[in-house]
Amino acid sequence: MISQDAISAAVERLATAQETRVPCEPVRDLIGTDDLPAAYAVQQGLVQARIAGGVSVVGRKIGATSKAVQDQLGVDQPDFGYLLSDMDVSYGVSGTPISMRTLVQPRVEAEVAFRLATDIAPETEEEITIEAVRAAVDLALPALEIVDSRIADWKIGFTDTVADNASSGLYVVGTDGRTLDELEPRDVVMSLTINGEERSAGNGAACLGDPLEALRWLAVQAFRFGDPLRAGHLILSGALGPFVPFAPGDRVTASISGFAPLAVEFEE
């Protein structure tokens, strides 16, 4: 069993790195390399501290859903984190540059987001089927996730990224939504450009075979953790291709078939 002191020390290490924007050492020396309950306990410590500071939970993100991103991170399974109200920088779609002042080592990826119309909170885990999660979706939306790591040089193991709120940073979600009658998420094709140059490409099938399967996986995990997905939540379902670095002054555009292009600019 990982001690509460070790969990608290990991929370403090990551929180300090976020506050100072100085990357820290991995936390696996404190919580081990395979104790997922301990890693999620650290994540909860970070999230609850931010909630105490005045932000709110607005959804979840699924990480490491594509083979390309798993290879980049050196992990072999997905994880999840929380979306908080201060992570939403969707104002960028109006042309206002997005500030990078809270970020440490950012990367950007394109994905399909889902807005939930109803809770996914059944009586039993077996009720969480593809059909059930599809029925819970209000809209699919194009999204950019700005992933980030508080751990130096992105030298992370699986428990490190879980503890670090699934290496989350900021996100942008477009306004050009589609119902699932209008768009099949697994069939989308994605191209991500920076200053007009394609830097990443992929498709819906790269995300656990289907972004809706990623949503089903998340709903199962949320059920097991006793914190089910709720109506109104935004779910970032996972990258459709590799994440890439970017810098202040860059213009990032995600073109996902079925949606209007989603373009934003960044500043220091």
C-alpha atoms as a PDB file:
ATOM      1  CA  MET A   1       0.000   0.000   0.000  1.00  0.00           C
ATOM      2  CA  ILE A   2       1.238   3.478  -0.914  1.00  0.00           C
ATOM      3  CA  SER A   3       1.143   5.737   2.138  1.00  0.00           C
ATOM      4  CA  GLN A   4      -0.916   8.904   2.346  1.00  0.00           C
ATOM      5  CA  ASP A   5       2.319  10.781   2.984  1.00  0.00           C
ATOM      6  CA  ALA A   6       3.685   9.576  -0.377  1.00  0.00           C
ATOM      7  CA  ILE A   7       0.483  10.577  -2.160  1.00  0.00           C
ATOM      8  CA  SER A   8       0.562  14.017  -0.524  1.00  0.00           C
ATOM      9  CA  ALA A   9       4.209  14.450  -1.493  1.00  0.00           C
ATOM     10  CA  ALA A  10       3.385  13.614  -5.123  1.00  0.00           C
ATOM     11  CA  VAL A  11       0.510  16.113  -5.109  1.00  0.00           C
ATOM     12  CA  GLU A  12       2.822  18.806  -3.737  1.00  0.00           C
ATOM     13  CA  ARG A  13       5.545  18.072  -6.296  1.00  0.00           C
ATOM     14  CA  LEU A  14       3.168  18.347  -9.256  1.00  0.00           C
ATOM     15  CA  ALA A  15       1.310  21.359  -7.857  1.00  0.00           C
ATOM     16  CA  THR A  16       4.578  23.217  -7.308  1.00  0.00           C
ATOM     17  CA  ALA A  17       5.670  22.474 -10.875  1.00  0.00           C
ATOM     18  CA  GLN A  18       2.386  23.849 -12.175  1.00  0.00           C
ATOM     19  CA  GLU A  19       2.589  26.960 -10.017  1.00  0.00           C
ATOM     20  CA  THR A  20       6.207  27.749 -10.855  1.00  0.00           C
ATOM     21  CA  ARG A  21       6.148  26.412 -14.450  1.00  0.00           C
ATOM     22  CA  VAL A  22       9.371  24.585 -13.596  1.00  0.00           C
ATOM     23  CA  PRO A  23       9.168  20.889 -14.579  1.00  0.00           C
ATOM     24  CA  CYS A  24       9.694  18.373 -11.798  1.00  0.00           C
ATOM     25  CA  GLU A  25      11.019  14.861 -11.469  1.00  0.00           C
ATOM     26  CA  PRO A  26       8.583  11.962 -12.075  1.00  0.00           C
ATOM     27  CA  VAL A  27       6.407  10.944  -9.137  1.00  0.00           C
ATOM     28  CA  ARG A  28       6.794   7.203  -9.661  1.00  0.00           C
ATOM     29  CA  ASP A  29       9.539   7.185  -7.038  1.00  0.00           C
ATOM     30  CA  LEU A  30       6.771   8.062  -4.568  1.00  0.00           C
ATOM     31  CA  ILE A  31       3.818   6.023  -5.849  1.00  0.00           C
ATOM     32  CA  GLY A  32       5.428   3.226  -7.845  1.00  0.00           C
ATOM     33  CA  THR A  33       5.013   2.256 -11.472  1.00  0.00           C
ATOM     34  CA  ASP A  34       1.855   0.134 -11.400  1.00  0.00           C
ATOM     35  CA  ASP A  35      -0.326   1.289  -8.484  1.00  0.00           C
ATOM     36  CA  LEU A  36      -3.184   2.913 -10.400  1.00  0.00           C
ATOM     37  CA  PRO A  37      -5.326   3.616  -7.304  1.00  0.00           C
ATOM     38  CA  ALA A  38      -2.418   5.598  -5.865  1.00  0.00           C
ATOM     39  CA  ALA A  39      -1.922   7.467  -9.144  1.00  0.00           C
ATOM     40  CA  TYR A  40      -5.603   8.386  -9.348  1.00  0.00           C
ATOM     41  CA  ALA A  41      -5.492   9.419  -5.661  1.00  0.00           C
ATOM     42  CA  VAL A  42      -2.766  11.922  -6.559  1.00  0.00           C
ATOM     43  CA  GLN A  43      -4.883  13.127  -9.476  1.00  0.00           C
ATOM     44  CA  GLN A  44      -7.835  13.603  -7.136  1.00  0.00           C
ATOM     45  CA  GLY A  45      -5.674  15.563  -4.716  1.00  0.00           C
ATOM     46  CA  LEU A  46      -4.680  17.965  -7.481  1.00  0.00           C
ATOM     47  CA  VAL A  47      -8.231  18.275  -8.833  1.00  0.00           C
ATOM     48  CA  GLN A  48      -9.814  18.829  -5.414  1.00  0.00           C
ATOM     49  CA  ALA A  49      -7.257  21.533  -4.600  1.00  0.00           C
ATOM     50  CA  ARG A  50      -8.171  23.368  -7.781  1.00  0.00           C
ATOM     51  CA  ILE A  51     -11.880  22.995  -7.045  1.00  0.00           C
ATOM     52  CA  ALA A  52     -11.228  24.459  -3.595  1.00  0.00           C
ATOM     53  CA  GLY A  53      -9.611  27.372  -5.433  1.00  0.00           C
ATOM     54  CA  GLY A  54     -12.860  28.139  -7.224  1.00  0.00           C
ATOM     55  CA  VAL A  55     -12.948  26.134 -10.466  1.00  0.00           C
ATOM     56  CA  SER A  56     -15.498  23.469 -11.344  1.00  0.00           C
ATOM     57  CA  VAL A  57     -15.519  20.130 -13.144  1.00  0.00           C
ATOM     58  CA  VAL A  58     -16.942  20.526 -16.658  1.00  0.00           C
ATOM     59  CA  GLY A  59     -16.083  17.107 -18.095  1.00  0.00           C
ATOM     60  CA  ARG A  60     -13.388  14.496 -18.613  1.00  0.00           C
ATOM     61  CA  LYS A  61     -10.583  13.723 -21.032  1.00  0.00           C
ATOM     62  CA  ILE A  62      -9.399  10.354 -22.216  1.00  0.00           C
ATOM     63  CA  GLY A  63      -5.677  10.053 -22.783  1.00  0.00           C
ATOM     64  CA  ALA A  64      -3.446   7.663 -24.708  1.00  0.00           C
ATOM     65  CA  THR A  65      -6.238   6.257 -26.846  1.00  0.00           C
ATOM     66  CA  SER A  66      -4.238   6.024 -30.069  1.00  0.00           C
ATOM     67  CA  LYS A  67      -1.255   3.786 -30.769  1.00  0.00           C
ATOM     68  CA  ALA A  68       0.664   6.835 -32.014  1.00  0.00           C
ATOM     69  CA  VAL A  69       0.261   8.670 -28.712  1.00  0.00           C
ATOM     70  CA  GLN A  70       0.908   5.535 -26.645  1.00  0.00           C
ATOM     71  CA  ASP A  71       4.182   5.145 -28.527  1.00  0.00           C
ATOM     72  CA  GLN A  72       5.039   8.808 -27.935  1.00  0.00           C
ATOM     73  CA  LEU A  73       4.386   8.451 -24.211  1.00  0.00           C
ATOM     74  CA  GLY A  74       5.776   4.954 -23.767  1.00  0.00           C
ATOM     75  CA  VAL A  75       2.503   3.580 -22.332  1.00  0.00           C
ATOM     76  CA  ASP A  76       0.237   0.746 -23.412  1.00  0.00           C
ATOM     77  CA  GLN A  77      -3.229   1.657 -22.127  1.00  0.00           C
ATOM     78  CA  PRO A  78      -5.555   4.655 -21.929  1.00  0.00           C
ATOM     79  CA  ASP A  79      -6.188   6.794 -18.874  1.00  0.00           C
ATOM     80  CA  PHE A  80      -8.527   9.630 -17.957  1.00  0.00           C
ATOM     81  CA  GLY A  81      -8.418  13.026 -16.328  1.00  0.00           C
ATOM     82  CA  TYR A  82     -10.759  15.851 -15.408  1.00  0.00           C
ATOM     83  CA  LEU A  83     -11.639  18.922 -17.448  1.00  0.00           C
ATOM     84  CA  LEU A  84     -11.892  21.985 -15.236  1.00  0.00           C
ATOM     85  CA  SER A  85     -13.554  25.283 -16.044  1.00  0.00           C
ATOM     86  CA  ASP A  86     -10.266  27.206 -16.165  1.00  0.00           C
ATOM     87  CA  MET A  87      -8.890  24.848 -18.839  1.00  0.00           C
ATOM     88  CA  ASP A  88     -11.446  25.993 -21.416  1.00  0.00           C
ATOM     89  CA  VAL A  89      -9.840  28.447 -23.844  1.00  0.00           C
ATOM     90  CA  SER A  90     -12.465  28.125 -26.550  1.00  0.00           C
ATOM     91  CA  TYR A  91     -12.476  31.921 -26.778  1.00  0.00           C
ATOM     92  CA  GLY A  92      -9.637  31.310 -29.219  1.00  0.00           C
ATOM     93  CA  VAL A  93     -12.065  30.334 -31.974  1.00  0.00           C
ATOM     94  CA  SER A  94     -13.144  33.999 -32.187  1.00  0.00           C
ATOM     95  CA  GLY A  95      -9.617  35.026 -33.188  1.00  0.00           C
ATOM     96  CA  THR A  96      -8.340  36.121 -29.778  1.00  0.00           C
ATOM     97  CA  PRO A  97      -4.856  34.610 -29.243  1.00  0.00           C
ATOM     98  CA  ILE A  98      -4.693  31.970 -26.519  1.00  0.00           C
ATOM     99  CA  SER A  99      -2.237  32.693 -23.729  1.00  0.00           C
ATOM    100  CA  MET A 100       0.412  30.065 -22.988  1.00  0.00           C
ATOM    101  CA  ARG A 101       1.333  31.604 -19.624  1.00  0.00           C
ATOM    102  CA  THR A 102       0.008  28.652 -17.576  1.00  0.00           C
ATOM    103  CA  LEU A 103       1.696  25.973 -19.681  1.00  0.00           C
ATOM    104  CA  VAL A 104       4.952  24.143 -18.988  1.00  0.00           C
ATOM    105  CA  GLN A 105       5.786  21.845 -21.936  1.00  0.00           C
ATOM    106  CA  PRO A 106       2.725  21.992 -24.196  1.00  0.00           C
ATOM    107  CA  ARG A 107       1.837  19.834 -27.170  1.00  0.00           C
ATOM    108  CA  VAL A 108      -1.327  19.959 -29.274  1.00  0.00           C
ATOM    109  CA  GLU A 109      -3.577  17.239 -30.671  1.00  0.00           C
ATOM    110  CA  ALA A 110      -6.895  17.109 -32.522  1.00  0.00           C
ATOM    111  CA  GLU A 111      -9.855  14.999 -31.485  1.00  0.00           C
ATOM    112  CA  VAL A 112     -13.601  14.550 -31.416  1.00  0.00           C
ATOM    113  CA  ALA A 113     -15.400  15.839 -28.334  1.00  0.00           C
ATOM    114  CA  PHE A 114     -18.807  14.756 -27.093  1.00  0.00           C
ATOM    115  CA  ARG A 115     -21.339  16.854 -25.203  1.00  0.00           C
ATOM    116  CA  LEU A 116     -23.604  14.647 -23.068  1.00  0.00           C
ATOM    117  CA  ALA A 117     -27.363  15.156 -23.045  1.00  0.00           C
ATOM    118  CA  THR A 118     -27.990  12.699 -20.194  1.00  0.00           C
ATOM    119  CA  ASP A 119     -26.113  11.090 -17.335  1.00  0.00           C
ATOM    120  CA  ILE A 120     -24.345   7.780 -17.931  1.00  0.00           C
ATOM    121  CA  ALA A 121     -25.070   6.399 -14.484  1.00  0.00           C
ATOM    122  CA  PRO A 122     -26.681   2.964 -14.784  1.00  0.00           C
ATOM    123  CA  GLU A 123     -27.344   0.482 -12.026  1.00  0.00           C
ATOM    124  CA  THR A 124     -24.777  -2.000 -13.345  1.00  0.00           C
ATOM    125  CA  GLU A 125     -21.585  -1.821 -15.372  1.00  0.00           C
ATOM    126  CA  GLU A 126     -23.012  -4.250 -17.933  1.00  0.00           C
ATOM    127  CA  GLU A 127     -25.526  -1.590 -18.967  1.00  0.00           C
ATOM    128  CA  ILE A 128     -22.718   0.634 -20.281  1.00  0.00           C
ATOM    129  CA  THR A 129     -22.817  -0.409 -23.925  1.00  0.00           C
ATOM    130  CA  ILE A 130     -21.938   1.391 -27.138  1.00  0.00           C
ATOM    131  CA  GLU A 131     -25.654   1.859 -27.724  1.00  0.00           C
ATOM    132  CA  ALA A 132     -26.110   3.375 -24.267  1.00  0.00           C
ATOM    133  CA  VAL A 133     -23.288   5.899 -24.621  1.00  0.00           C
ATOM    134  CA  ARG A 134     -24.370   6.798 -28.154  1.00  0.00           C
ATOM    135  CA  ALA A 135     -27.843   7.559 -26.823  1.00  0.00           C
ATOM    136  CA  ALA A 136     -26.357   9.822 -24.139  1.00  0.00           C
ATOM    137  CA  VAL A 137     -24.515  12.058 -26.627  1.00  0.00           C
ATOM    138  CA  ASP A 138     -26.097  15.382 -27.517  1.00  0.00           C
ATOM    139  CA  LEU A 139     -23.460  16.575 -30.010  1.00  0.00           C
ATOM    140  CA  ALA A 140     -20.083  15.642 -31.420  1.00  0.00           C
ATOM    141  CA  LEU A 141     -17.739  18.621 -31.763  1.00  0.00           C
ATOM    142  CA  PRO A 142     -14.249  19.293 -33.152  1.00  0.00           C
ATOM    143  CA  ALA A 143     -11.645  19.922 -30.473  1.00  0.00           C
ATOM    144  CA  LEU A 144      -8.015  20.760 -29.883  1.00  0.00           C
ATOM    145  CA  GLU A 145      -6.436  19.562 -26.678  1.00  0.00           C
ATOM    146  CA  ILE A 146      -3.319  21.295 -25.440  1.00  0.00           C
ATOM    147  CA  VAL A 147      -1.705  18.497 -23.478  1.00  0.00           C
ATOM    148  CA  ASP A 148       1.021  19.364 -20.995  1.00  0.00           C
ATOM    149  CA  SER A 149       3.338  17.651 -18.548  1.00  0.00           C
ATOM    150  CA  ARG A 150       4.680  18.978 -15.309  1.00  0.00           C
ATOM    151  CA  ILE A 151       7.345  16.249 -15.463  1.00  0.00           C
ATOM    152  CA  ALA A 152      10.674  17.228 -16.988  1.00  0.00           C
ATOM    153  CA  ASP A 153      11.217  16.359 -20.661  1.00  0.00           C
ATOM    154  CA  TRP A 154       7.994  14.322 -20.754  1.00  0.00           C
ATOM    155  CA  LYS A 155       9.932  11.398 -19.238  1.00  0.00           C
ATOM    156  CA  ILE A 156       6.812   9.815 -17.860  1.00  0.00           C
ATOM    157  CA  GLY A 157       5.589   6.377 -16.949  1.00  0.00           C
ATOM    158  CA  PHE A 158       1.939   5.434 -16.791  1.00  0.00           C
ATOM    159  CA  THR A 159       1.450   6.346 -13.128  1.00  0.00           C
ATOM    160  CA  ASP A 160       3.164   9.691 -13.744  1.00  0.00           C
ATOM    161  CA  THR A 161       0.732  10.739 -16.469  1.00  0.00           C
ATOM    162  CA  VAL A 162      -2.302   9.483 -14.516  1.00  0.00           C
ATOM    163  CA  ALA A 163      -1.212  11.416 -11.429  1.00  0.00           C
ATOM    164  CA  ASP A 164      -0.643  14.539 -13.537  1.00  0.00           C
ATOM    165  CA  ASN A 165      -4.349  14.649 -14.459  1.00  0.00           C
ATOM    166  CA  ALA A 166      -3.639  12.616 -17.591  1.00  0.00           C
ATOM    167  CA  SER A 167      -1.094  15.209 -18.765  1.00  0.00           C
ATOM    168  CA  SER A 168      -3.811  17.799 -19.298  1.00  0.00           C
ATOM    169  CA  GLY A 169      -3.412  21.485 -19.976  1.00  0.00           C
ATOM    170  CA  LEU A 170      -6.060  23.427 -21.894  1.00  0.00           C
ATOM    171  CA  TYR A 171      -8.670  22.704 -24.532  1.00  0.00           C
ATOM    172  CA  VAL A 172     -10.553  24.376 -27.359  1.00  0.00           C
ATOM    173  CA  VAL A 173     -13.902  23.096 -28.559  1.00  0.00           C
ATOM    174  CA  GLY A 174     -15.571  24.355 -31.706  1.00  0.00           C
ATOM    175  CA  THR A 175     -19.144  25.517 -32.089  1.00  0.00           C
ATOM    176  CA  ASP A 176     -19.798  23.496 -35.256  1.00  0.00           C
ATOM    177  CA  GLY A 177     -21.503  20.479 -33.688  1.00  0.00           C
ATOM    178  CA  ARG A 178     -23.064  17.444 -35.312  1.00  0.00           C
ATOM    179  CA  THR A 179     -25.513  14.884 -33.990  1.00  0.00           C
ATOM    180  CA  LEU A 180     -24.565  11.233 -34.268  1.00  0.00           C
ATOM    181  CA  ASP A 181     -27.249  10.882 -36.917  1.00  0.00           C
ATOM    182  CA  GLU A 182     -25.233  13.341 -39.008  1.00  0.00           C
ATOM    183  CA  LEU A 183     -21.718  12.051 -38.330  1.00  0.00           C
ATOM    184  CA  GLU A 184     -20.093   8.703 -37.508  1.00  0.00           C
ATOM    185  CA  PRO A 185     -17.065   9.437 -35.289  1.00  0.00           C
ATOM    186  CA  ARG A 186     -15.032   6.372 -36.315  1.00  0.00           C
ATOM    187  CA  ASP A 187     -15.187   7.473 -39.967  1.00  0.00           C
ATOM    188  CA  VAL A 188     -13.715  10.971 -39.574  1.00  0.00           C
ATOM    189  CA  VAL A 189     -10.350  11.906 -41.091  1.00  0.00           C
ATOM    190  CA  MET A 190      -8.111  14.453 -39.357  1.00  0.00           C
ATOM    191  CA  SER A 191      -5.321  16.771 -40.474  1.00  0.00           C
ATOM    192  CA  LEU A 192      -3.595  19.140 -38.052  1.00  0.00           C
ATOM    193  CA  THR A 193      -1.485  21.969 -39.441  1.00  0.00           C
ATOM    194  CA  ILE A 194       0.771  24.549 -37.804  1.00  0.00           C
ATOM    195  CA  ASN A 195       1.223  27.715 -39.846  1.00  0.00           C
ATOM    196  CA  GLY A 196      -0.173  25.875 -42.864  1.00  0.00           C
ATOM    197  CA  GLU A 197       2.164  22.853 -42.641  1.00  0.00           C
ATOM    198  CA  GLU A 198       0.631  19.476 -41.846  1.00  0.00           C
ATOM    199  CA  ARG A 199       2.167  18.141 -38.651  1.00  0.00           C
ATOM    200  CA  SER A 200      -0.229  15.354 -37.665  1.00  0.00           C
ATOM    201  CA  ALA A 201      -2.836  13.207 -39.395  1.00  0.00           C
ATOM    202  CA  GLY A 202      -5.119  10.367 -38.420  1.00  0.00           C
ATOM    203  CA  ASN A 203      -8.687   9.147 -38.286  1.00  0.00           C
ATOM    204  CA  GLY A 204     -11.487   8.128 -35.972  1.00  0.00           C
ATOM    205  CA  ALA A 205     -10.520   4.468 -35.978  1.00  0.00           C
ATOM    206  CA  ALA A 206      -7.168   5.425 -34.395  1.00  0.00           C
ATOM    207  CA  CYS A 207      -9.020   6.297 -31.172  1.00  0.00           C
ATOM    208  CA  LEU A 208      -9.551   2.845 -29.594  1.00  0.00           C
ATOM    209  CA  GLY A 209     -11.135   1.786 -32.880  1.00  0.00           C
ATOM    210  CA  ASP A 210     -13.965   4.303 -32.455  1.00  0.00           C
ATOM    211  CA  PRO A 211     -14.246   7.487 -30.350  1.00  0.00           C
ATOM    212  CA  LEU A 212     -17.544   6.096 -29.050  1.00  0.00           C
ATOM    213  CA  GLU A 213     -15.668   3.042 -27.765  1.00  0.00           C
ATOM    214  CA  ALA A 214     -13.350   5.446 -25.946  1.00  0.00           C
ATOM    215  CA  LEU A 215     -16.421   7.095 -24.419  1.00  0.00           C
ATOM    216  CA  ARG A 216     -17.756   3.687 -23.374  1.00  0.00           C
ATOM    217  CA  TRP A 217     -14.399   2.847 -21.779  1.00  0.00           C
ATOM    218  CA  LEU A 218     -14.449   6.128 -19.872  1.00  0.00           C
ATOM    219  CA  ALA A 219     -18.025   5.593 -18.697  1.00  0.00           C
ATOM    220  CA  VAL A 220     -17.011   2.204 -17.282  1.00  0.00           C
ATOM    221  CA  GLN A 221     -14.028   3.711 -15.442  1.00  0.00           C
ATOM    222  CA  ALA A 222     -16.159   6.560 -14.098  1.00  0.00           C
ATOM    223  CA  PHE A 223     -18.749   4.040 -12.881  1.00  0.00           C
ATOM    224  CA  ARG A 224     -16.056   2.006 -11.123  1.00  0.00           C
ATOM    225  CA  PHE A 225     -14.668   5.127  -9.454  1.00  0.00           C
ATOM    226  CA  GLY A 226     -18.128   6.088  -8.222  1.00  0.00           C
ATOM    227  CA  ASP A 227     -18.096   9.377 -10.140  1.00  0.00           C
ATOM    228  CA  PRO A 228     -20.265   8.799 -13.229  1.00  0.00           C
ATOM    229  CA  LEU A 229     -20.458  10.996 -16.303  1.00  0.00           C
ATOM    230  CA  ARG A 230     -23.147  13.647 -16.107  1.00  0.00           C
ATOM    231  CA  ALA A 231     -25.450  15.517 -18.475  1.00  0.00           C
ATOM    232  CA  GLY A 232     -23.760  18.639 -19.792  1.00  0.00           C
ATOM    233  CA  HIS A 233     -20.247  17.216 -19.418  1.00  0.00           C
ATOM    234  CA  LEU A 234     -17.810  17.671 -22.268  1.00  0.00           C
ATOM    235  CA  ILE A 235     -15.751  14.585 -23.071  1.00  0.00           C
ATOM    236  CA  LEU A 236     -12.500  14.802 -25.026  1.00  0.00           C
ATOM    237  CA  SER A 237     -12.404  11.325 -26.519  1.00  0.00           C
ATOM    238  CA  GLY A 238      -8.699  11.139 -27.393  1.00  0.00           C
ATOM    239  CA  ALA A 239      -6.219  12.065 -30.082  1.00  0.00           C
ATOM    240  CA  LEU A 240      -6.810  11.010 -33.679  1.00  0.00           C
ATOM    241  CA  GLY A 241      -3.082  11.244 -34.448  1.00  0.00           C
ATOM    242  CA  PRO A 242       0.249  12.130 -32.822  1.00  0.00           C
ATOM    243  CA  PHE A 243       0.539  15.230 -30.654  1.00  0.00           C
ATOM    244  CA  VAL A 244       3.042  17.884 -31.752  1.00  0.00           C
ATOM    245  CA  PRO A 245       4.882  20.818 -30.137  1.00  0.00           C
ATOM    246  CA  PHE A 246       4.002  24.420 -30.917  1.00  0.00           C
ATOM    247  CA  ALA A 247       5.184  27.874 -29.876  1.00  0.00           C
ATOM    248  CA  PRO A 248       3.896  31.394 -29.243  1.00  0.00           C
ATOM    249  CA  GLY A 249       2.848  33.002 -32.512  1.00  0.00           C
ATOM    250  CA  ASP A 250       1.800  29.722 -34.112  1.00  0.00           C
ATOM    251  CA  ARG A 251      -1.553  29.236 -35.824  1.00  0.00           C
ATOM    252  CA  VAL A 252      -2.919  25.732 -35.280  1.00  0.00           C
ATOM    253  CA  THR A 253      -5.728  24.375 -37.455  1.00  0.00           C
ATOM    254  CA  ALA A 254      -7.566  21.088 -37.005  1.00  0.00           C
ATOM    255  CA  SER A 255      -9.487  19.878 -40.042  1.00  0.00           C
ATOM    256  CA  ILE A 256     -11.744  16.966 -39.090  1.00  0.00           C
ATOM    257  CA  SER A 257     -14.063  15.707 -41.812  1.00  0.00           C
ATOM    258  CA  GLY A 258     -17.700  16.513 -41.170  1.00  0.00           C
ATOM    259  CA  PHE A 259     -16.853  19.680 -39.230  1.00  0.00           C
ATOM    260  CA  ALA A 260     -15.746  23.164 -40.160  1.00  0.00           C
ATOM    261  CA  PRO A 261     -11.988  23.664 -39.600  1.00  0.00           C
ATOM    262  CA  LEU A 262     -11.036  24.719 -36.064  1.00  0.00           C
ATOM    263  CA  ALA A 263      -8.247  27.326 -36.034  1.00  0.00           C
ATOM    264  CA  VAL A 264      -6.600  29.183 -33.148  1.00  0.00           C
ATOM    265  CA  GLU A 265      -3.485  31.256 -32.517  1.00  0.00           C
ATOM    266  CA  PHE A 266      -1.218  31.232 -29.464  1.00  0.00           C
ATOM    267  CA  GLU A 267       0.739  33.918 -27.624  1.00  0.00           C
ATOM    268  CA  GLU A 268       3.125  33.902 -24.675  1.00  0.00           C
END
